[in-house]
Amino acid sequence: MGSALLDHVELTFLRDQIKAPAVYLATATRHPWLAGIYERRGYEGFYKHTRNDDEMILLRKVLNPEIYETPEVAEYKRFEPQLLATARIAPRDLVHCRKIFPTV
């Protein structure tokens, strides 16, 4: 039941209706089974962040590869190259990390 609901939200709503390039989520590493559940559903971990002594892992699942690289990301590459050089994550993901964790 849970998988059917997630499929509907990810594919019918986010991908087809909203045209979202990807879906992102975060979970605490103190719950290791959660990351495994999402990874089996096609998510991949791309960033770890510690906040208030709690380590979080950010995961993403690309829904629309053709629109995954956005103009917003291109601008980010242009104006923050030093941060990108040290971040070791994809620029498009760093844009989304900044929205979740403004201090990244």
Protein backbone atom coordinates (compact mmCIF):
# COMPACT_ATOMS: atom_id res chain seq x y z
CA MET A 1 0.00 0.00 0.00
CA GLY A 2 2.81 2.42 0.94
CA SER A 3 4.72 1.74 -2.29
CA ALA A 4 1.60 2.29 -4.39
CA LEU A 5 0.97 5.62 -2.66
CA LEU A 6 4.59 6.77 -3.16
CA ASP A 7 4.50 5.69 -6.82
CA HIS A 8 1.36 7.73 -7.37
CA VAL A 9 2.78 10.82 -5.68
CA GLU A 10 6.19 10.58 -7.38
CA LEU A 11 5.04 9.70 -10.88
CA THR A 12 1.50 10.94 -11.38
CA PHE A 13 1.63 14.06 -9.27
CA LEU A 14 5.26 15.25 -9.05
CA ARG A 15 6.59 14.04 -12.41
CA ASP A 16 3.55 14.28 -14.68
CA GLN A 17 1.46 17.11 -13.21
CA ILE A 18 3.97 19.41 -11.54
CA LYS A 19 6.87 18.50 -13.87
CA ALA A 20 9.29 18.34 -10.92
CA PRO A 21 12.83 17.53 -12.06
CA ALA A 22 13.52 15.50 -8.91
CA VAL A 23 12.21 14.77 -5.46
CA TYR A 24 14.38 15.33 -2.39
CA LEU A 25 14.06 14.17 1.17
CA ALA A 26 16.15 14.06 4.32
CA THR A 27 16.32 11.50 7.09
CA ALA A 28 18.42 11.11 10.21
CA THR A 29 21.24 8.57 10.01
CA ARG A 30 20.20 7.33 13.45
CA HIS A 31 17.35 5.65 11.55
CA PRO A 32 19.48 3.67 9.04
CA TRP A 33 16.59 1.53 7.80
CA LEU A 34 14.85 4.60 6.35
CA ALA A 35 17.67 5.44 3.94
CA GLY A 36 17.66 1.78 2.82
CA ILE A 37 13.94 1.89 2.12
CA TYR A 38 14.31 4.98 -0.05
CA GLU A 39 17.42 3.64 -1.82
CA ARG A 40 15.47 0.53 -2.84
CA ARG A 41 12.89 2.90 -4.34
CA GLY A 42 15.53 4.57 -6.54
CA TYR A 43 16.70 7.39 -4.28
CA GLU A 44 20.40 8.05 -3.86
CA GLY A 45 22.13 9.71 -0.96
CA PHE A 46 24.17 12.71 -2.04
CA TYR A 47 24.94 14.76 1.05
CA LYS A 48 25.33 14.41 4.81
CA HIS A 49 24.88 17.32 7.18
CA THR A 50 25.08 17.58 10.95
CA ARG A 51 22.55 19.84 12.59
CA ASN A 52 22.05 20.10 16.35
CA ASP A 53 24.19 16.96 16.89
CA ASP A 54 21.94 14.98 14.55
CA GLU A 55 23.45 13.72 11.29
CA MET A 56 21.08 13.99 8.36
CA ILE A 57 21.40 12.40 4.94
CA LEU A 58 19.83 14.02 1.91
CA LEU A 59 18.52 11.75 -0.82
CA ARG A 60 17.17 12.43 -4.28
CA LYS A 61 15.31 10.63 -7.03
CA VAL A 62 15.44 12.12 -10.51
CA LEU A 63 11.95 12.15 -12.03
CA ASN A 64 12.44 14.22 -15.21
CA PRO A 65 16.08 13.92 -16.34
CA GLU A 66 15.55 16.26 -19.29
CA ILE A 67 14.70 19.19 -16.98
CA TYR A 68 16.92 18.22 -14.05
CA GLU A 69 19.54 20.87 -14.94
CA THR A 70 17.70 24.16 -14.50
CA PRO A 71 18.59 27.81 -15.23
CA GLU A 72 18.74 28.37 -11.47
CA VAL A 73 21.54 25.81 -11.26
CA ALA A 74 23.40 27.41 -14.15
CA GLU A 75 23.33 30.75 -12.33
CA TYR A 76 24.54 29.09 -9.15
CA LYS A 77 27.52 27.62 -11.04
CA ARG A 78 28.34 31.05 -12.37
CA PHE A 79 28.28 32.96 -9.08
CA GLU A 80 29.50 30.45 -6.47
CA PRO A 81 32.37 28.48 -8.08
CA GLN A 82 34.48 28.38 -4.87
CA LEU A 83 31.68 26.71 -2.94
CA LEU A 84 31.11 24.22 -5.74
CA ALA A 85 34.81 23.33 -5.83
CA THR A 86 34.78 22.27 -2.18
CA ALA A 87 31.24 20.86 -1.94
CA ARG A 88 31.82 17.53 -3.75
CA ILE A 89 28.14 17.39 -4.74
CA ALA A 90 26.40 18.29 -7.97
CA PRO A 91 25.51 21.98 -8.37
CA ARG A 92 21.83 21.23 -8.92
CA ASP A 93 21.79 19.37 -5.60
CA LEU A 94 23.65 22.14 -3.81
CA VAL A 95 20.89 24.52 -4.86
CA HIS A 96 18.35 22.26 -3.16
CA CYS A 97 20.59 21.75 -0.10
CA ARG A 98 20.70 25.50 0.36
CA LYS A 99 16.92 25.58 0.44
CA ILE A 100 16.83 22.88 3.15
CA PHE A 101 19.95 23.90 5.09
CA PRO A 102 20.60 27.63 4.47
CA THR A 103 24.06 27.44 6.10
CA VAL A 104 25.43 24.86 3.61
